[in-house]
Amino acid sequence: METRIAAVSIIVENPDSVEKLNNILHDYGKYIIGRMGIPYHKRNIAIISIVMDAPNDVISALSGKLGMLPDVTAKTVYSKLFPLDETKGMS
């Protein structure tokens, strides 16, 4: 299965959305390489960055689900690296 590297940037403008957001991220945990969250108390928001290695449709599904949450904005950036086909291994 071919996978891609992607970074998903998330801005949460309402703390009430955090529980649903965390549940969604938990569902995609096997694809998440790393996560960094920064609370910005001055503006009462949270900024979260997720790095993934996943099939294109999985990345799109996650980004879409996050974007449907109230007061949550999500944008995805894809690496230009060629997809890695894990069935073929490294050569």
PDB file of N, CA and C in Angstrom:
ATOM      1  N   MET A   1       0.838  -1.170   0.000  1.00  0.00           N
ATOM      2  CA  MET A   1       0.000   0.000   0.000  1.00  0.00           C
ATOM      3  C   MET A   1       0.889   1.242   0.000  1.00  0.00           C
ATOM      4  N   GLU A   2       0.671   2.143  -0.914  1.00  0.00           N
ATOM      5  CA  GLU A   2       1.467   3.358  -0.987  1.00  0.00           C
ATOM      6  C   GLU A   2       1.016   4.362   0.054  1.00  0.00           C
ATOM      7  N   THR A   3       1.981   4.974   0.718  1.00  0.00           N
ATOM      8  CA  THR A   3       1.676   5.983   1.723  1.00  0.00           C
ATOM      9  C   THR A   3       2.400   7.278   1.380  1.00  0.00           C
ATOM     10  N   ARG A   4       1.916   8.353   1.975  1.00  0.00           N
ATOM     11  CA  ARG A   4       2.529   9.666   1.795  1.00  0.00           C
ATOM     12  C   ARG A   4       2.764  10.292   3.155  1.00  0.00           C
ATOM     13  N   ILE A   5       3.702  11.214   3.191  1.00  0.00           N
ATOM     14  CA  ILE A   5       3.947  12.003   4.386  1.00  0.00           C
ATOM     15  C   ILE A   5       3.125  13.282   4.263  1.00  0.00           C
ATOM     16  N   ALA A   6       2.416  13.625   5.333  1.00  0.00           N
ATOM     17  CA  ALA A   6       1.613  14.841   5.339  1.00  0.00           C
ATOM     18  C   ALA A   6       1.672  15.488   6.714  1.00  0.00           C
ATOM     19  N   ALA A   7       1.544  16.801   6.727  1.00  0.00           N
ATOM     20  CA  ALA A   7       1.430  17.555   7.968  1.00  0.00           C
ATOM     21  C   ALA A   7       0.053  18.204   7.987  1.00  0.00           C
ATOM     22  N   VAL A   8      -0.664  17.988   9.069  1.00  0.00           N
ATOM     23  CA  VAL A   8      -1.986  18.583   9.226  1.00  0.00           C
ATOM     24  C   VAL A   8      -1.882  19.651  10.310  1.00  0.00           C
ATOM     25  N   SER A   9      -2.218  20.879   9.955  1.00  0.00           N
ATOM     26  CA  SER A   9      -2.233  21.979  10.915  1.00  0.00           C
ATOM     27  C   SER A   9      -3.668  22.230  11.345  1.00  0.00           C
ATOM     28  N   ILE A  10      -3.862  22.306  12.634  1.00  0.00           N
ATOM     29  CA  ILE A  10      -5.204  22.416  13.200  1.00  0.00           C
ATOM     30  C   ILE A  10      -5.247  23.608  14.148  1.00  0.00           C
ATOM     31  N   ILE A  11      -6.284  24.426  14.010  1.00  0.00           N
ATOM     32  CA  ILE A  11      -6.520  25.514  14.954  1.00  0.00           C
ATOM     33  C   ILE A  11      -7.872  25.268  15.601  1.00  0.00           C
ATOM     34  N   VAL A  12      -7.859  25.228  16.932  1.00  0.00           N
ATOM     35  CA  VAL A  12      -9.084  24.983  17.702  1.00  0.00           C
ATOM     36  C   VAL A  12      -9.455  26.291  18.397  1.00  0.00           C
ATOM     37  N   GLU A  13     -10.613  26.827  18.038  1.00  0.00           N
ATOM     38  CA  GLU A  13     -11.039  28.117  18.583  1.00  0.00           C
ATOM     39  C   GLU A  13     -12.034  27.991  19.726  1.00  0.00           C
ATOM     40  N   ASN A  14     -12.425  26.757  20.064  1.00  0.00           N
ATOM     41  CA  ASN A  14     -13.373  26.543  21.146  1.00  0.00           C
ATOM     42  C   ASN A  14     -12.971  25.271  21.896  1.00  0.00           C
ATOM     43  N   PRO A  15     -12.661  25.383  23.176  1.00  0.00           N
ATOM     44  CA  PRO A  15     -12.241  24.204  23.943  1.00  0.00           C
ATOM     45  C   PRO A  15     -13.267  23.080  23.961  1.00  0.00           C
ATOM     46  N   ASP A  16     -14.532  23.378  23.707  1.00  0.00           N
ATOM     47  CA  ASP A  16     -15.563  22.342  23.688  1.00  0.00           C
ATOM     48  C   ASP A  16     -15.360  21.337  22.563  1.00  0.00           C
ATOM     49  N   SER A  17     -14.574  21.689  21.547  1.00  0.00           N
ATOM     50  CA  SER A  17     -14.323  20.789  20.411  1.00  0.00           C
ATOM     51  C   SER A  17     -13.159  19.837  20.645  1.00  0.00           C
ATOM     52  N   VAL A  18     -12.398  20.046  21.705  1.00  0.00           N
ATOM     53  CA  VAL A  18     -11.165  19.288  21.925  1.00  0.00           C
ATOM     54  C   VAL A  18     -11.428  17.797  22.137  1.00  0.00           C
ATOM     55  N   GLU A  19     -12.456  17.441  22.878  1.00  0.00           N
ATOM     56  CA  GLU A  19     -12.712  16.028  23.147  1.00  0.00           C
ATOM     57  C   GLU A  19     -13.026  15.266  21.858  1.00  0.00           C
ATOM     58  N   LYS A  20     -13.868  15.833  21.019  1.00  0.00           N
ATOM     59  CA  LYS A  20     -14.191  15.186  19.743  1.00  0.00           C
ATOM     60  C   LYS A  20     -12.952  15.104  18.851  1.00  0.00           C
ATOM     61  N   LEU A  21     -12.153  16.165  18.843  1.00  0.00           N
ATOM     62  CA  LEU A  21     -10.928  16.180  18.045  1.00  0.00           C
ATOM     63  C   LEU A  21      -9.982  15.073  18.503  1.00  0.00           C
ATOM     64  N   ASN A  22      -9.789  14.944  19.809  1.00  0.00           N
ATOM     65  CA  ASN A  22      -8.893  13.910  20.333  1.00  0.00           C
ATOM     66  C   ASN A  22      -9.400  12.507  20.017  1.00  0.00           C
ATOM     67  N   ASN A  23     -10.712  12.313  20.034  1.00  0.00           N
ATOM     68  CA  ASN A  23     -11.272  11.005  19.675  1.00  0.00           C
ATOM     69  C   ASN A  23     -10.984  10.660  18.224  1.00  0.00           C
ATOM     70  N   ILE A  24     -11.099  11.646  17.349  1.00  0.00           N
ATOM     71  CA  ILE A  24     -10.804  11.417  15.928  1.00  0.00           C
ATOM     72  C   ILE A  24      -9.328  11.088  15.756  1.00  0.00           C
ATOM     73  N   LEU A  25      -8.453  11.866  16.394  1.00  0.00           N
ATOM     74  CA  LEU A  25      -7.014  11.603  16.278  1.00  0.00           C
ATOM     75  C   LEU A  25      -6.665  10.226  16.822  1.00  0.00           C
ATOM     76  N   HIS A  26      -7.317   9.814  17.880  1.00  0.00           N
ATOM     77  CA  HIS A  26      -7.085   8.475  18.434  1.00  0.00           C
ATOM     78  C   HIS A  26      -7.428   7.397  17.400  1.00  0.00           C
ATOM     79  N   ASP A  27      -8.522   7.590  16.670  1.00  0.00           N
ATOM     80  CA  ASP A  27      -8.936   6.619  15.653  1.00  0.00           C
ATOM     81  C   ASP A  27      -7.895   6.472  14.537  1.00  0.00           C
ATOM     82  N   TYR A  28      -7.111   7.520  14.289  1.00  0.00           N
ATOM     83  CA  TYR A  28      -6.099   7.498  13.237  1.00  0.00           C
ATOM     84  C   TYR A  28      -4.687   7.341  13.802  1.00  0.00           C
ATOM     85  N   GLY A  29      -4.581   6.953  15.065  1.00  0.00           N
ATOM     86  CA  GLY A  29      -3.302   6.878  15.763  1.00  0.00           C
ATOM     87  C   GLY A  29      -2.235   6.047  15.085  1.00  0.00           C
ATOM     88  N   LYS A  30      -2.622   4.969  14.399  1.00  0.00           N
ATOM     89  CA  LYS A  30      -1.591   4.121  13.786  1.00  0.00           C
ATOM     90  C   LYS A  30      -0.892   4.800  12.609  1.00  0.00           C
ATOM     91  N   TYR A  31      -1.457   5.884  12.106  1.00  0.00           N
ATOM     92  CA  TYR A  31      -0.852   6.614  10.995  1.00  0.00           C
ATOM     93  C   TYR A  31      -0.088   7.857  11.440  1.00  0.00           C
ATOM     94  N   ILE A  32      -0.250   8.243  12.698  1.00  0.00           N
ATOM     95  CA  ILE A  32       0.353   9.484  13.183  1.00  0.00           C
ATOM     96  C   ILE A  32       1.784   9.220  13.654  1.00  0.00           C
ATOM     97  N   ILE A  33       2.720   9.945  13.041  1.00  0.00           N
ATOM     98  CA  ILE A  33       4.134   9.843  13.407  1.00  0.00           C
ATOM     99  C   ILE A  33       4.409  10.691  14.643  1.00  0.00           C
ATOM    100  N   GLY A  34       3.826  11.875  14.684  1.00  0.00           N
ATOM    101  CA  GLY A  34       4.057  12.780  15.802  1.00  0.00           C
ATOM    102  C   GLY A  34       2.973  13.833  15.891  1.00  0.00           C
ATOM    103  N   ARG A  35       2.882  14.405  17.086  1.00  0.00           N
ATOM    104  CA  ARG A  35       1.865  15.423  17.352  1.00  0.00           C
ATOM    105  C   ARG A  35       2.465  16.464  18.277  1.00  0.00           C
ATOM    106  N   MET A  36       2.179  17.735  17.973  1.00  0.00           N
ATOM    107  CA  MET A  36       2.627  18.822  18.841  1.00  0.00           C
ATOM    108  C   MET A  36       1.454  19.770  19.041  1.00  0.00           C
ATOM    109  N   GLY A  37       1.171  20.083  20.283  1.00  0.00           N
ATOM    110  CA  GLY A  37       0.094  21.014  20.587  1.00  0.00           C
ATOM    111  C   GLY A  37       0.619  22.220  21.337  1.00  0.00           C
ATOM    112  N   ILE A  38       0.134  23.389  20.941  1.00  0.00           N
ATOM    113  CA  ILE A  38       0.561  24.627  21.587  1.00  0.00           C
ATOM    114  C   ILE A  38      -0.678  25.399  22.019  1.00  0.00           C
ATOM    115  N   PRO A  39      -0.896  25.530  23.320  1.00  0.00           N
ATOM    116  CA  PRO A  39      -2.006  26.384  23.756  1.00  0.00           C
ATOM    117  C   PRO A  39      -1.572  27.851  23.681  1.00  0.00           C
ATOM    118  N   TYR A  40      -2.424  28.678  23.125  1.00  0.00           N
ATOM    119  CA  TYR A  40      -2.131  30.110  23.041  1.00  0.00           C
ATOM    120  C   TYR A  40      -3.164  30.827  23.905  1.00  0.00           C
ATOM    121  N   HIS A  41      -2.836  30.965  25.181  1.00  0.00           N
ATOM    122  CA  HIS A  41      -3.776  31.465  26.172  1.00  0.00           C
ATOM    123  C   HIS A  41      -4.221  32.896  25.901  1.00  0.00           C
ATOM    124  N   LYS A  42      -3.339  33.696  25.347  1.00  0.00           N
ATOM    125  CA  LYS A  42      -3.673  35.097  25.075  1.00  0.00           C
ATOM    126  C   LYS A  42      -4.883  35.214  24.149  1.00  0.00           C
ATOM    127  N   ARG A  43      -4.993  34.265  23.179  1.00  0.00           N
ATOM    128  CA  ARG A  43      -6.109  34.300  22.216  1.00  0.00           C
ATOM    129  C   ARG A  43      -7.139  33.202  22.483  1.00  0.00           C
ATOM    130  N   ASN A  44      -6.935  32.419  23.535  1.00  0.00           N
ATOM    131  CA  ASN A  44      -7.830  31.323  23.922  1.00  0.00           C
ATOM    132  C   ASN A  44      -8.053  30.324  22.783  1.00  0.00           C
ATOM    133  N   ILE A  45      -6.963  29.960  22.119  1.00  0.00           N
ATOM    134  CA  ILE A  45      -7.008  28.952  21.054  1.00  0.00           C
ATOM    135  C   ILE A  45      -5.908  27.917  21.293  1.00  0.00           C
ATOM    136  N   ALA A  46      -5.983  26.839  20.539  1.00  0.00           N
ATOM    137  CA  ALA A  46      -4.922  25.830  20.557  1.00  0.00           C
ATOM    138  C   ALA A  46      -4.497  25.576  19.115  1.00  0.00           C
ATOM    139  N   ILE A  47      -3.210  25.428  18.918  1.00  0.00           N
ATOM    140  CA  ILE A  47      -2.649  25.108  17.605  1.00  0.00           C
ATOM    141  C   ILE A  47      -2.029  23.729  17.727  1.00  0.00           C
ATOM    142  N   ILE A  48      -2.427  22.826  16.826  1.00  0.00           N
ATOM    143  CA  ILE A  48      -1.947  21.450  16.871  1.00  0.00           C
ATOM    144  C   ILE A  48      -1.379  21.096  15.507  1.00  0.00           C
ATOM    145  N   SER A  49      -0.229  20.453  15.501  1.00  0.00           N
ATOM    146  CA  SER A  49       0.370  19.949  14.269  1.00  0.00           C
ATOM    147  C   SER A  49       0.469  18.435  14.358  1.00  0.00           C
ATOM    148  N   ILE A  50       0.017  17.767  13.305  1.00  0.00           N
ATOM    149  CA  ILE A  50       0.052  16.312  13.223  1.00  0.00           C
ATOM    150  C   ILE A  50       0.882  15.942  12.005  1.00  0.00           C
ATOM    151  N   VAL A  51       1.816  15.014  12.155  1.00  0.00           N
ATOM    152  CA  VAL A  51       2.565  14.492  11.011  1.00  0.00           C
ATOM    153  C   VAL A  51       2.148  13.042  10.821  1.00  0.00           C
ATOM    154  N   MET A  52       1.815  12.711   9.557  1.00  0.00           N
ATOM    155  CA  MET A  52       1.281  11.379   9.256  1.00  0.00           C
ATOM    156  C   MET A  52       2.065  10.712   8.140  1.00  0.00           C
ATOM    157  N   ASP A  53       2.049   9.399   8.153  1.00  0.00           N
ATOM    158  CA  ASP A  53       2.521   8.577   7.044  1.00  0.00           C
ATOM    159  C   ASP A  53       1.369   7.614   6.770  1.00  0.00           C
ATOM    160  N   ALA A  54       0.591   7.910   5.733  1.00  0.00           N
ATOM    161  CA  ALA A  54      -0.649   7.173   5.518  1.00  0.00           C
ATOM    162  C   ALA A  54      -1.038   7.202   4.049  1.00  0.00           C
ATOM    163  N   PRO A  55      -1.940   6.312   3.644  1.00  0.00           N
ATOM    164  CA  PRO A  55      -2.480   6.387   2.286  1.00  0.00           C
ATOM    165  C   PRO A  55      -3.217   7.716   2.094  1.00  0.00           C
ATOM    166  N   ASN A  56      -3.237   8.177   0.864  1.00  0.00           N
ATOM    167  CA  ASN A  56      -3.839   9.466   0.540  1.00  0.00           C
ATOM    168  C   ASN A  56      -5.286   9.567   1.025  1.00  0.00           C
ATOM    169  N   ASP A  57      -6.067   8.514   0.863  1.00  0.00           N
ATOM    170  CA  ASP A  57      -7.473   8.577   1.254  1.00  0.00           C
ATOM    171  C   ASP A  57      -7.643   8.672   2.770  1.00  0.00           C
ATOM    172  N   VAL A  58      -6.726   8.084   3.522  1.00  0.00           N
ATOM    173  CA  VAL A  58      -6.780   8.170   4.981  1.00  0.00           C
ATOM    174  C   VAL A  58      -6.474   9.600   5.438  1.00  0.00           C
ATOM    175  N   ILE A  59      -5.466  10.209   4.832  1.00  0.00           N
ATOM    176  CA  ILE A  59      -5.111  11.592   5.172  1.00  0.00           C
ATOM    177  C   ILE A  59      -6.279  12.523   4.862  1.00  0.00           C
ATOM    178  N   SER A  60      -6.875  12.354   3.703  1.00  0.00           N
ATOM    179  CA  SER A  60      -8.015  13.191   3.305  1.00  0.00           C
ATOM    180  C   SER A  60      -9.204  12.993   4.241  1.00  0.00           C
ATOM    181  N   ALA A  61      -9.463  11.751   4.628  1.00  0.00           N
ATOM    182  CA  ALA A  61     -10.581  11.465   5.523  1.00  0.00           C
ATOM    183  C   ALA A  61     -10.376  12.138   6.875  1.00  0.00           C
ATOM    184  N   LEU A  62      -9.166  12.043   7.420  1.00  0.00           N
ATOM    185  CA  LEU A  62      -8.886  12.675   8.705  1.00  0.00           C
ATOM    186  C   LEU A  62      -9.070  14.184   8.605  1.00  0.00           C
ATOM    187  N   SER A  63      -8.477  14.796   7.611  1.00  0.00           N
ATOM    188  CA  SER A  63      -8.574  16.240   7.450  1.00  0.00           C
ATOM    189  C   SER A  63     -10.034  16.677   7.294  1.00  0.00           C
ATOM    190  N   GLY A  64     -10.806  15.914   6.535  1.00  0.00           N
ATOM    191  CA  GLY A  64     -12.215  16.236   6.337  1.00  0.00           C
ATOM    192  C   GLY A  64     -13.008  16.151   7.629  1.00  0.00           C
ATOM    193  N   LYS A  65     -12.772  15.105   8.422  1.00  0.00           N
ATOM    194  CA  LYS A  65     -13.485  14.954   9.693  1.00  0.00           C
ATOM    195  C   LYS A  65     -13.138  16.081  10.661  1.00  0.00           C
ATOM    196  N   LEU A  66     -11.864  16.450  10.693  1.00  0.00           N
ATOM    197  CA  LEU A  66     -11.458  17.546  11.573  1.00  0.00           C
ATOM    198  C   LEU A  66     -12.095  18.857  11.142  1.00  0.00           C
ATOM    199  N   GLY A  67     -12.126  19.096   9.837  1.00  0.00           N
ATOM    200  CA  GLY A  67     -12.693  20.334   9.317  1.00  0.00           C
ATOM    201  C   GLY A  67     -14.189  20.463   9.546  1.00  0.00           C
ATOM    202  N   MET A  68     -14.875  19.349   9.775  1.00  0.00           N
ATOM    203  CA  MET A  68     -16.318  19.395  10.037  1.00  0.00           C
ATOM    204  C   MET A  68     -16.646  19.695  11.503  1.00  0.00           C
ATOM    205  N   LEU A  69     -15.648  19.644  12.372  1.00  0.00           N
ATOM    206  CA  LEU A  69     -15.890  19.966  13.774  1.00  0.00           C
ATOM    207  C   LEU A  69     -16.146  21.465  13.927  1.00  0.00           C
ATOM    208  N   PRO A  70     -17.083  21.834  14.809  1.00  0.00           N
ATOM    209  CA  PRO A  70     -17.331  23.256  15.013  1.00  0.00           C
ATOM    210  C   PRO A  70     -16.116  23.953  15.618  1.00  0.00           C
ATOM    211  N   ASP A  71     -15.814  25.122  15.098  1.00  0.00           N
ATOM    212  CA  ASP A  71     -14.722  25.966  15.590  1.00  0.00           C
ATOM    213  C   ASP A  71     -13.340  25.331  15.440  1.00  0.00           C
ATOM    214  N   VAL A  72     -13.202  24.436  14.458  1.00  0.00           N
ATOM    215  CA  VAL A  72     -11.916  23.802  14.160  1.00  0.00           C
ATOM    216  C   VAL A  72     -11.599  24.022  12.684  1.00  0.00           C
ATOM    217  N   THR A  73     -10.375  24.464  12.416  1.00  0.00           N
ATOM    218  CA  THR A  73      -9.887  24.622  11.045  1.00  0.00           C
ATOM    219  C   THR A  73      -8.714  23.672  10.860  1.00  0.00           C
ATOM    220  N   ALA A  74      -8.716  22.928   9.752  1.00  0.00           N
ATOM    221  CA  ALA A  74      -7.625  21.990   9.473  1.00  0.00           C
ATOM    222  C   ALA A  74      -7.177  22.144   8.028  1.00  0.00           C
ATOM    223  N   LYS A  75      -5.885  22.201   7.830  1.00  0.00           N
ATOM    224  CA  LYS A  75      -5.287  22.279   6.493  1.00  0.00           C
ATOM    225  C   LYS A  75      -4.162  21.257   6.409  1.00  0.00           C
ATOM    226  N   THR A  76      -4.026  20.647   5.250  1.00  0.00           N
ATOM    227  CA  THR A  76      -3.036  19.586   5.062  1.00  0.00           C
ATOM    228  C   THR A  76      -2.026  19.973   4.002  1.00  0.00           C
ATOM    229  N   VAL A  77      -0.770  19.658   4.284  1.00  0.00           N
ATOM    230  CA  VAL A  77       0.320  19.861   3.334  1.00  0.00           C
ATOM    231  C   VAL A  77       0.962  18.499   3.095  1.00  0.00           C
ATOM    232  N   TYR A  78       1.185  18.174   1.824  1.00  0.00           N
ATOM    233  CA  TYR A  78       1.760  16.876   1.457  1.00  0.00           C
ATOM    234  C   TYR A  78       3.225  17.030   1.061  1.00  0.00           C
ATOM    235  N   SER A  79       4.017  16.046   1.415  1.00  0.00           N
ATOM    236  CA  SER A  79       5.409  16.004   0.999  1.00  0.00           C
ATOM    237  C   SER A  79       5.485  15.739  -0.505  1.00  0.00           C
ATOM    238  N   LYS A  80       6.541  16.214  -1.126  1.00  0.00           N
ATOM    239  CA  LYS A  80       6.769  15.938  -2.544  1.00  0.00           C
ATOM    240  C   LYS A  80       7.523  14.633  -2.753  1.00  0.00           C
ATOM    241  N   LEU A  81       7.889  13.948  -1.653  1.00  0.00           N
ATOM    242  CA  LEU A  81       8.569  12.663  -1.771  1.00  0.00           C
ATOM    243  C   LEU A  81       7.692  11.663  -2.497  1.00  0.00           C
ATOM    244  N   PHE A  82       8.315  10.769  -3.231  1.00  0.00           N
ATOM    245  CA  PHE A  82       7.561   9.709  -3.877  1.00  0.00           C
ATOM    246  C   PHE A  82       6.939   8.824  -2.809  1.00  0.00           C
ATOM    247  N   PRO A  83       5.734   8.325  -3.048  1.00  0.00           N
ATOM    248  CA  PRO A  83       5.118   7.429  -2.067  1.00  0.00           C
ATOM    249  C   PRO A  83       5.971   6.189  -1.841  1.00  0.00           C
ATOM    250  N   LEU A  84       5.963   5.694  -0.609  1.00  0.00           N
ATOM    251  CA  LEU A  84       6.671   4.484  -0.244  1.00  0.00           C
ATOM    252  C   LEU A  84       5.729   3.315  -0.354  1.00  0.00           C
ATOM    253  N   ASP A  85       6.076   2.317  -1.152  1.00  0.00           N
ATOM    254  CA  ASP A  85       5.277   1.113  -1.261  1.00  0.00           C
ATOM    255  C   ASP A  85       5.853   0.106  -0.288  1.00  0.00           C
ATOM    256  N   GLU A  86       5.190  -0.067   0.852  1.00  0.00           N
ATOM    257  CA  GLU A  86       5.722  -0.906   1.925  1.00  0.00           C
ATOM    258  C   GLU A  86       5.782  -2.384   1.552  1.00  0.00           C
ATOM    259  N   THR A  87       5.039  -2.799   0.538  1.00  0.00           N
ATOM    260  CA  THR A  87       5.064  -4.203   0.139  1.00  0.00           C
ATOM    261  C   THR A  87       6.346  -4.550  -0.597  1.00  0.00           C
ATOM    262  N   LYS A  88       7.033  -3.544  -1.132  1.00  0.00           N
ATOM    263  CA  LYS A  88       8.265  -3.779  -1.876  1.00  0.00           C
ATOM    264  C   LYS A  88       9.518  -3.614  -1.024  1.00  0.00           C
ATOM    265  N   GLY A  89       9.390  -2.960   0.113  1.00  0.00           N
ATOM    266  CA  GLY A  89      10.545  -2.760   0.982  1.00  0.00           C
ATOM    267  C   GLY A  89      11.492  -1.703   0.430  1.00  0.00           C
ATOM    268  N   MET A  90      12.559  -1.467   1.147  1.00  0.00           N
ATOM    269  CA  MET A  90      13.569  -0.477   0.734  1.00  0.00           C
ATOM    270  C   MET A  90      14.590  -1.163  -0.164  1.00  0.00           C
ATOM    271  N   SER A  91      14.994  -0.498  -1.220  1.00  0.00           N
ATOM    272  CA  SER A  91      16.026  -1.076  -2.085  1.00  0.00           C
ATOM    273  C   SER A  91      17.147  -0.113  -2.323  1.00  0.00           C
TER     274      SER A  91
END
